[in-house]
């Protein structure tokens, strides 16, 4: 999962996350909605429409960062909300 919540809100009991799904098990992704990334050499799709808030305790160990893909992540979230 991709934790997209700002660290400014670390005191909240929840985190906003988006699932990252193995590209090999996903149907055809929607271009602007489902960007592709690589996590530990595994191609994954951001399943943006499944955005959710989960308890902070359910967030696992950090295994990487997608900070370099910030623009693609924000664009996918914007597309989900605005449709363009």
PDB file of N, CA and C in Angstrom:
ATOM      1  N   UNK A   1       0.835  -1.174   0.000  1.00  0.00           N
ATOM      2  CA  UNK A   1       0.000   0.000   0.000  1.00  0.00           C
ATOM      3  C   UNK A   1       0.881   1.238   0.000  1.00  0.00           C
ATOM      4  N   UNK A   2       0.329   2.296  -0.507  1.00  0.00           N
ATOM      5  CA  UNK A   2       1.030   3.571  -0.591  1.00  0.00           C
ATOM      6  C   UNK A   2       0.392   4.538   0.394  1.00  0.00           C
ATOM      7  N   UNK A   3       1.144   4.980   1.369  1.00  0.00           N
ATOM      8  CA  UNK A   3       0.687   5.955   2.358  1.00  0.00           C
ATOM      9  C   UNK A   3       0.819   7.332   1.721  1.00  0.00           C
ATOM     10  N   UNK A   4      -0.319   7.987   1.487  1.00  0.00           N
ATOM     11  CA  UNK A   4      -0.284   9.284   0.801  1.00  0.00           C
ATOM     12  C   UNK A   4      -0.549  10.457   1.738  1.00  0.00           C
ATOM     13  N   UNK A   5      -0.729  10.189   3.012  1.00  0.00           N
ATOM     14  CA  UNK A   5      -1.059  11.242   3.972  1.00  0.00           C
ATOM     15  C   UNK A   5       0.182  12.025   4.380  1.00  0.00           C
ATOM     16  N   UNK A   6       0.036  13.327   4.480  1.00  0.00           N
ATOM     17  CA  UNK A   6       1.129  14.186   4.918  1.00  0.00           C
ATOM     18  C   UNK A   6       1.550  13.848   6.340  1.00  0.00           C
ATOM     19  N   UNK A   7       2.836  13.895   6.590  1.00  0.00           N
ATOM     20  CA  UNK A   7       3.357  13.656   7.942  1.00  0.00           C
ATOM     21  C   UNK A   7       2.945  14.758   8.925  1.00  0.00           C
ATOM     22  N   UNK A   8       2.383  15.848   8.412  1.00  0.00           N
ATOM     23  CA  UNK A   8       1.866  16.899   9.294  1.00  0.00           C
ATOM     24  C   UNK A   8       0.744  16.367  10.176  1.00  0.00           C
ATOM     25  N   UNK A   9       0.135  15.248   9.748  1.00  0.00           N
ATOM     26  CA  UNK A   9      -1.003  14.693  10.465  1.00  0.00           C
ATOM     27  C   UNK A   9      -0.668  13.366  11.138  1.00  0.00           C
ATOM     28  N   UNK A  10       0.560  13.237  11.599  1.00  0.00           N
ATOM     29  CA  UNK A  10       1.012  12.018  12.275  1.00  0.00           C
ATOM     30  C   UNK A  10       0.260  11.735  13.572  1.00  0.00           C
ATOM     31  N   UNK A  11      -0.347  12.732  14.156  1.00  0.00           N
ATOM     32  CA  UNK A  11      -1.046  12.520  15.434  1.00  0.00           C
ATOM     33  C   UNK A  11      -2.438  11.930  15.262  1.00  0.00           C
ATOM     34  N   UNK A  12      -2.938  11.870  14.032  1.00  0.00           N
ATOM     35  CA  UNK A  12      -4.250  11.269  13.792  1.00  0.00           C
ATOM     36  C   UNK A  12      -4.180   9.759  13.992  1.00  0.00           C
ATOM     37  N   UNK A  13      -5.294   9.166  14.272  1.00  0.00           N
ATOM     38  CA  UNK A  13      -5.356   7.719  14.505  1.00  0.00           C
ATOM     39  C   UNK A  13      -5.445   6.915  13.217  1.00  0.00           C
ATOM     40  N   UNK A  14      -5.546   7.617  12.083  1.00  0.00           N
ATOM     41  CA  UNK A  14      -5.666   6.936  10.793  1.00  0.00           C
ATOM     42  C   UNK A  14      -4.654   7.480   9.791  1.00  0.00           C
ATOM     43  N   UNK A  15      -4.431   6.697   8.739  1.00  0.00           N
ATOM     44  CA  UNK A  15      -3.592   7.120   7.613  1.00  0.00           C
ATOM     45  C   UNK A  15      -4.395   6.898   6.338  1.00  0.00           C
ATOM     46  N   UNK A  16      -4.226   7.784   5.363  1.00  0.00           N
ATOM     47  CA  UNK A  16      -4.874   7.633   4.063  1.00  0.00           C
ATOM     48  C   UNK A  16      -3.899   6.882   3.163  1.00  0.00           C
ATOM     49  N   UNK A  17      -4.390   5.785   2.590  1.00  0.00           N
ATOM     50  CA  UNK A  17      -3.543   4.906   1.788  1.00  0.00           C
ATOM     51  C   UNK A  17      -4.240   4.536   0.477  1.00  0.00           C
ATOM     52  N   UNK A  18      -3.433   4.100  -0.478  1.00  0.00           N
ATOM     53  CA  UNK A  18      -3.928   3.589  -1.749  1.00  0.00           C
ATOM     54  C   UNK A  18      -3.238   2.246  -1.986  1.00  0.00           C
ATOM     55  N   UNK A  19      -4.002   1.215  -2.323  1.00  0.00           N
ATOM     56  CA  UNK A  19      -3.373  -0.080  -2.590  1.00  0.00           C
ATOM     57  C   UNK A  19      -2.441  -0.032  -3.804  1.00  0.00           C
ATOM     58  N   UNK A  20      -1.363  -0.775  -3.713  1.00  0.00           N
ATOM     59  CA  UNK A  20      -0.477  -1.017  -4.850  1.00  0.00           C
ATOM     60  C   UNK A  20      -0.649  -2.498  -5.188  1.00  0.00           C
ATOM     61  N   UNK A  21      -1.082  -2.772  -6.403  1.00  0.00           N
ATOM     62  CA  UNK A  21      -1.435  -4.128  -6.804  1.00  0.00           C
ATOM     63  C   UNK A  21      -0.443  -4.640  -7.840  1.00  0.00           C
ATOM     64  N   UNK A  22      -0.023  -5.877  -7.682  1.00  0.00           N
ATOM     65  CA  UNK A  22       0.894  -6.510  -8.633  1.00  0.00           C
ATOM     66  C   UNK A  22       0.323  -6.376 -10.037  1.00  0.00           C
ATOM     67  N   UNK A  23       1.092  -5.801 -10.927  1.00  0.00           N
ATOM     68  CA  UNK A  23       0.657  -5.540 -12.299  1.00  0.00           C
ATOM     69  C   UNK A  23       0.199  -6.805 -13.020  1.00  0.00           C
ATOM     70  N   UNK A  24       0.758  -7.945 -12.652  1.00  0.00           N
ATOM     71  CA  UNK A  24       0.441  -9.197 -13.346  1.00  0.00           C
ATOM     72  C   UNK A  24      -0.960  -9.713 -13.033  1.00  0.00           C
ATOM     73  N   UNK A  25      -1.572  -9.227 -11.943  1.00  0.00           N
ATOM     74  CA  UNK A  25      -2.907  -9.721 -11.591  1.00  0.00           C
ATOM     75  C   UNK A  25      -4.005  -8.691 -11.824  1.00  0.00           C
ATOM     76  N   UNK A  26      -3.644  -7.543 -12.366  1.00  0.00           N
ATOM     77  CA  UNK A  26      -4.603  -6.474 -12.624  1.00  0.00           C
ATOM     78  C   UNK A  26      -5.057  -6.560 -14.074  1.00  0.00           C
ATOM     79  N   UNK A  27      -6.323  -6.256 -14.290  1.00  0.00           N
ATOM     80  CA  UNK A  27      -6.807  -6.123 -15.659  1.00  0.00           C
ATOM     81  C   UNK A  27      -6.163  -4.897 -16.295  1.00  0.00           C
ATOM     82  N   UNK A  28      -6.721  -4.442 -17.368  1.00  0.00           N
ATOM     83  CA  UNK A  28      -6.165  -3.277 -18.057  1.00  0.00           C
ATOM     84  C   UNK A  28      -6.363  -2.020 -17.196  1.00  0.00           C
ATOM     85  N   UNK A  29      -5.270  -1.363 -16.798  1.00  0.00           N
ATOM     86  CA  UNK A  29      -5.396  -0.157 -15.975  1.00  0.00           C
ATOM     87  C   UNK A  29      -5.902   1.035 -16.791  1.00  0.00           C
ATOM     88  N   UNK A  30      -6.525   1.982 -16.105  1.00  0.00           N
ATOM     89  CA  UNK A  30      -6.940   3.236 -16.732  1.00  0.00           C
ATOM     90  C   UNK A  30      -5.732   4.167 -16.692  1.00  0.00           C
ATOM     91  N   UNK A  31      -5.330   4.660 -17.832  1.00  0.00           N
ATOM     92  CA  UNK A  31      -4.059   5.374 -17.982  1.00  0.00           C
ATOM     93  C   UNK A  31      -3.809   6.430 -16.905  1.00  0.00           C
ATOM     94  N   UNK A  32      -4.655   7.413 -16.753  1.00  0.00           N
ATOM     95  CA  UNK A  32      -4.396   8.504 -15.797  1.00  0.00           C
ATOM     96  C   UNK A  32      -4.712   8.129 -14.354  1.00  0.00           C
ATOM     97  N   UNK A  33      -5.561   7.126 -14.167  1.00  0.00           N
ATOM     98  CA  UNK A  33      -6.008   6.753 -12.835  1.00  0.00           C
ATOM     99  C   UNK A  33      -5.075   5.771 -12.143  1.00  0.00           C
ATOM    100  N   UNK A  34      -4.403   4.940 -12.922  1.00  0.00           N
ATOM    101  CA  UNK A  34      -3.615   3.838 -12.361  1.00  0.00           C
ATOM    102  C   UNK A  34      -2.162   3.865 -12.838  1.00  0.00           C
ATOM    103  N   UNK A  35      -1.357   4.782 -12.292  1.00  0.00           N
ATOM    104  CA  UNK A  35       0.046   4.814 -12.711  1.00  0.00           C
ATOM    105  C   UNK A  35       0.788   3.546 -12.286  1.00  0.00           C
ATOM    106  N   UNK A  36       1.845   3.256 -13.026  1.00  0.00           N
ATOM    107  CA  UNK A  36       2.678   2.076 -12.750  1.00  0.00           C
ATOM    108  C   UNK A  36       3.953   2.506 -12.046  1.00  0.00           C
ATOM    109  N   UNK A  37       4.374   1.662 -11.092  1.00  0.00           N
ATOM    110  CA  UNK A  37       5.613   1.887 -10.362  1.00  0.00           C
ATOM    111  C   UNK A  37       6.322   0.552 -10.185  1.00  0.00           C
ATOM    112  N   UNK A  38       7.548   0.611  -9.673  1.00  0.00           N
ATOM    113  CA  UNK A  38       8.280  -0.606  -9.312  1.00  0.00           C
ATOM    114  C   UNK A  38       8.624  -0.538  -7.831  1.00  0.00           C
ATOM    115  N   UNK A  39       8.235  -1.575  -7.099  1.00  0.00           N
ATOM    116  CA  UNK A  39       8.552  -1.695  -5.680  1.00  0.00           C
ATOM    117  C   UNK A  39       9.340  -2.988  -5.519  1.00  0.00           C
ATOM    118  N   UNK A  40      10.587  -2.859  -5.066  1.00  0.00           N
ATOM    119  CA  UNK A  40      11.447  -4.041  -4.883  1.00  0.00           C
ATOM    120  C   UNK A  40      11.436  -4.916  -6.136  1.00  0.00           C
ATOM    121  N   UNK A  41      11.631  -4.311  -7.282  1.00  0.00           N
ATOM    122  CA  UNK A  41      11.685  -4.998  -8.579  1.00  0.00           C
ATOM    123  C   UNK A  41      10.369  -5.641  -9.000  1.00  0.00           C
ATOM    124  N   UNK A  42       9.272  -5.304  -8.332  1.00  0.00           N
ATOM    125  CA  UNK A  42       7.965  -5.818  -8.717  1.00  0.00           C
ATOM    126  C   UNK A  42       7.155  -4.689  -9.353  1.00  0.00           C
ATOM    127  N   UNK A  43       6.662  -4.881 -10.583  1.00  0.00           N
ATOM    128  CA  UNK A  43       5.817  -3.853 -11.192  1.00  0.00           C
ATOM    129  C   UNK A  43       4.444  -3.834 -10.521  1.00  0.00           C
ATOM    130  N   UNK A  44       4.030  -2.656 -10.069  1.00  0.00           N
ATOM    131  CA  UNK A  44       2.745  -2.507  -9.386  1.00  0.00           C
ATOM    132  C   UNK A  44       1.936  -1.391 -10.029  1.00  0.00           C
ATOM    133  N   UNK A  45       0.632  -1.481  -9.824  1.00  0.00           N
ATOM    134  CA  UNK A  45      -0.310  -0.475 -10.296  1.00  0.00           C
ATOM    135  C   UNK A  45      -0.916   0.195  -9.069  1.00  0.00           C
ATOM    136  N   UNK A  46      -1.011   1.513  -9.098  1.00  0.00           N
ATOM    137  CA  UNK A  46      -1.678   2.256  -8.034  1.00  0.00           C
ATOM    138  C   UNK A  46      -3.180   2.142  -8.261  1.00  0.00           C
ATOM    139  N   UNK A  47      -3.873   1.492  -7.350  1.00  0.00           N
ATOM    140  CA  UNK A  47      -5.318   1.294  -7.474  1.00  0.00           C
ATOM    141  C   UNK A  47      -6.035   2.475  -6.821  1.00  0.00           C
ATOM    142  N   UNK A  48      -5.946   3.609  -7.460  1.00  0.00           N
ATOM    143  CA  UNK A  48      -6.364   4.894  -6.912  1.00  0.00           C
ATOM    144  C   UNK A  48      -7.818   4.900  -6.442  1.00  0.00           C
ATOM    145  N   UNK A  49      -8.702   4.238  -7.160  1.00  0.00           N
ATOM    146  CA  UNK A  49     -10.125   4.245  -6.796  1.00  0.00           C
ATOM    147  C   UNK A  49     -10.397   3.521  -5.478  1.00  0.00           C
ATOM    148  N   UNK A  50      -9.419   2.785  -4.974  1.00  0.00           N
ATOM    149  CA  UNK A  50      -9.581   2.069  -3.706  1.00  0.00           C
ATOM    150  C   UNK A  50      -8.971   2.827  -2.526  1.00  0.00           C
ATOM    151  N   UNK A  51      -8.781   4.123  -2.671  1.00  0.00           N
ATOM    152  CA  UNK A  51      -8.242   4.963  -1.603  1.00  0.00           C
ATOM    153  C   UNK A  51      -9.056   4.737  -0.321  1.00  0.00           C
ATOM    154  N   UNK A  52      -8.371   4.714   0.822  1.00  0.00           N
ATOM    155  CA  UNK A  52      -9.058   4.434   2.081  1.00  0.00           C
ATOM    156  C   UNK A  52      -8.293   5.017   3.262  1.00  0.00           C
ATOM    157  N   UNK A  53      -9.001   5.196   4.340  1.00  0.00           N
ATOM    158  CA  UNK A  53      -8.379   5.534   5.613  1.00  0.00           C
ATOM    159  C   UNK A  53      -8.316   4.272   6.448  1.00  0.00           C
ATOM    160  N   UNK A  54      -7.159   3.993   7.009  1.00  0.00           N
ATOM    161  CA  UNK A  54      -6.995   2.798   7.844  1.00  0.00           C
ATOM    162  C   UNK A  54      -6.358   3.201   9.174  1.00  0.00           C
ATOM    163  N   UNK A  55      -6.554   2.396  10.218  1.00  0.00           N
ATOM    164  CA  UNK A  55      -5.909   2.706  11.494  1.00  0.00           C
ATOM    165  C   UNK A  55      -4.388   2.736  11.352  1.00  0.00           C
ATOM    166  N   UNK A  56      -3.761   3.652  12.015  1.00  0.00           N
ATOM    167  CA  UNK A  56      -2.305   3.790  11.950  1.00  0.00           C
ATOM    168  C   UNK A  56      -1.605   2.479  12.276  1.00  0.00           C
ATOM    169  N   UNK A  57      -2.137   1.715  13.203  1.00  0.00           N
ATOM    170  CA  UNK A  57      -1.534   0.443  13.585  1.00  0.00           C
ATOM    171  C   UNK A  57      -1.558  -0.600  12.483  1.00  0.00           C
ATOM    172  N   UNK A  58      -2.409  -0.409  11.477  1.00  0.00           N
ATOM    173  CA  UNK A  58      -2.498  -1.367  10.368  1.00  0.00           C
ATOM    174  C   UNK A  58      -1.477  -1.078   9.272  1.00  0.00           C
ATOM    175  N   UNK A  59      -0.797   0.056   9.373  1.00  0.00           N
ATOM    176  CA  UNK A  59       0.230   0.392   8.388  1.00  0.00           C
ATOM    177  C   UNK A  59       1.474  -0.420   8.718  1.00  0.00           C
ATOM    178  N   UNK A  60       1.955  -1.138   7.748  1.00  0.00           N
ATOM    179  CA  UNK A  60       3.126  -1.982   7.972  1.00  0.00           C
ATOM    180  C   UNK A  60       4.426  -1.208   7.890  1.00  0.00           C
ATOM    181  N   UNK A  61       5.500  -1.959   7.831  1.00  0.00           N
ATOM    182  CA  UNK A  61       6.841  -1.405   7.756  1.00  0.00           C
ATOM    183  C   UNK A  61       7.080  -0.747   6.388  1.00  0.00           C
ATOM    184  N   UNK A  62       7.712   0.402   6.396  1.00  0.00           N
ATOM    185  CA  UNK A  62       8.047   1.098   5.157  1.00  0.00           C
ATOM    186  C   UNK A  62       9.131   0.311   4.426  1.00  0.00           C
ATOM    187  N   UNK A  63       8.887   0.058   3.133  1.00  0.00           N
ATOM    188  CA  UNK A  63       9.879  -0.691   2.355  1.00  0.00           C
ATOM    189  C   UNK A  63      10.469   0.120   1.212  1.00  0.00           C
ATOM    190  N   UNK A  64       9.976   1.335   1.023  1.00  0.00           N
ATOM    191  CA  UNK A  64      10.503   2.156  -0.063  1.00  0.00           C
ATOM    192  C   UNK A  64       9.802   3.496  -0.102  1.00  0.00           C
ATOM    193  N   UNK A  65      10.156   4.270  -1.100  1.00  0.00           N
ATOM    194  CA  UNK A  65       9.573   5.592  -1.269  1.00  0.00           C
ATOM    195  C   UNK A  65       9.251   5.824  -2.737  1.00  0.00           C
ATOM    196  N   UNK A  66       8.146   6.507  -2.981  1.00  0.00           N
ATOM    197  CA  UNK A  66       7.779   6.902  -4.336  1.00  0.00           C
ATOM    198  C   UNK A  66       7.779   8.426  -4.461  1.00  0.00           C
ATOM    199  N   UNK A  67       8.591   9.079  -3.631  1.00  0.00           N
ATOM    200  CA  UNK A  67       8.653  10.545  -3.677  1.00  0.00           C
ATOM    201  C   UNK A  67       9.003  11.069  -5.065  1.00  0.00           C
ATOM    202  N   UNK A  68       9.826  10.347  -5.789  1.00  0.00           N
ATOM    203  CA  UNK A  68      10.209  10.779  -7.139  1.00  0.00           C
ATOM    204  C   UNK A  68       9.043  10.703  -8.124  1.00  0.00           C
ATOM    205  N   UNK A  69       7.989   9.994  -7.755  1.00  0.00           N
ATOM    206  CA  UNK A  69       6.811   9.862  -8.615  1.00  0.00           C
ATOM    207  C   UNK A  69       5.642  10.702  -8.094  1.00  0.00           C
ATOM    208  N   UNK A  70       5.955  11.695  -7.298  1.00  0.00           N
ATOM    209  CA  UNK A  70       4.939  12.551  -6.681  1.00  0.00           C
ATOM    210  C   UNK A  70       3.953  13.107  -7.702  1.00  0.00           C
ATOM    211  N   UNK A  71       4.437  13.589  -8.830  1.00  0.00           N
ATOM    212  CA  UNK A  71       3.549  14.186  -9.835  1.00  0.00           C
ATOM    213  C   UNK A  71       2.540  13.183 -10.379  1.00  0.00           C
ATOM    214  N   UNK A  72       2.969  11.957 -10.652  1.00  0.00           N
ATOM    215  CA  UNK A  72       2.059  10.929 -11.157  1.00  0.00           C
ATOM    216  C   UNK A  72       1.015  10.557 -10.103  1.00  0.00           C
ATOM    217  N   UNK A  73       1.429  10.500  -8.841  1.00  0.00           N
ATOM    218  CA  UNK A  73       0.514  10.156  -7.753  1.00  0.00           C
ATOM    219  C   UNK A  73      -0.548  11.238  -7.589  1.00  0.00           C
ATOM    220  N   UNK A  74      -0.133  12.481  -7.550  1.00  0.00           N
ATOM    221  CA  UNK A  74      -1.075  13.594  -7.403  1.00  0.00           C
ATOM    222  C   UNK A  74      -1.992  13.680  -8.614  1.00  0.00           C
ATOM    223  N   UNK A  75      -1.460  13.451  -9.804  1.00  0.00           N
ATOM    224  CA  UNK A  75      -2.286  13.486 -11.010  1.00  0.00           C
ATOM    225  C   UNK A  75      -3.361  12.398 -10.970  1.00  0.00           C
ATOM    226  N   UNK A  76      -3.021  11.218 -10.476  1.00  0.00           N
ATOM    227  CA  UNK A  76      -3.997  10.130 -10.384  1.00  0.00           C
ATOM    228  C   UNK A  76      -5.094  10.481  -9.371  1.00  0.00           C
ATOM    229  N   UNK A  77      -4.718  11.062  -8.246  1.00  0.00           N
ATOM    230  CA  UNK A  77      -5.698  11.474  -7.244  1.00  0.00           C
ATOM    231  C   UNK A  77      -6.598  12.587  -7.798  1.00  0.00           C
ATOM    232  N   UNK A  78      -6.021  13.518  -8.507  1.00  0.00           N
ATOM    233  CA  UNK A  78      -6.772  14.604  -9.125  1.00  0.00           C
ATOM    234  C   UNK A  78      -7.751  14.049 -10.170  1.00  0.00           C
ATOM    235  N   UNK A  79      -7.299  13.073 -10.948  1.00  0.00           N
ATOM    236  CA  UNK A  79      -8.164  12.464 -11.948  1.00  0.00           C
ATOM    237  C   UNK A  79      -9.334  11.743 -11.273  1.00  0.00           C
ATOM    238  N   UNK A  80      -9.087  11.080 -10.167  1.00  0.00           N
ATOM    239  CA  UNK A  80     -10.141  10.394  -9.428  1.00  0.00           C
ATOM    240  C   UNK A  80     -11.199  11.392  -8.939  1.00  0.00           C
ATOM    241  N   UNK A  81     -10.757  12.523  -8.442  1.00  0.00           N
ATOM    242  CA  UNK A  81     -11.671  13.498  -7.854  1.00  0.00           C
ATOM    243  C   UNK A  81     -12.357  14.365  -8.920  1.00  0.00           C
ATOM    244  N   UNK A  82     -11.582  14.823  -9.908  1.00  0.00           N
ATOM    245  CA  UNK A  82     -12.103  15.776 -10.884  1.00  0.00           C
ATOM    246  C   UNK A  82     -12.446  15.178 -12.251  1.00  0.00           C
ATOM    247  N   UNK A  83     -11.906  14.017 -12.539  1.00  0.00           N
ATOM    248  CA  UNK A  83     -12.193  13.390 -13.838  1.00  0.00           C
ATOM    249  C   UNK A  83     -11.393  13.944 -15.002  1.00  0.00           C
ATOM    250  N   UNK A  84     -10.399  14.748 -14.671  1.00  0.00           N
ATOM    251  CA  UNK A  84      -9.500  15.262 -15.726  1.00  0.00           C
ATOM    252  C   UNK A  84      -8.156  15.574 -15.145  1.00  0.00           C
TER     253      UNK A  84
END
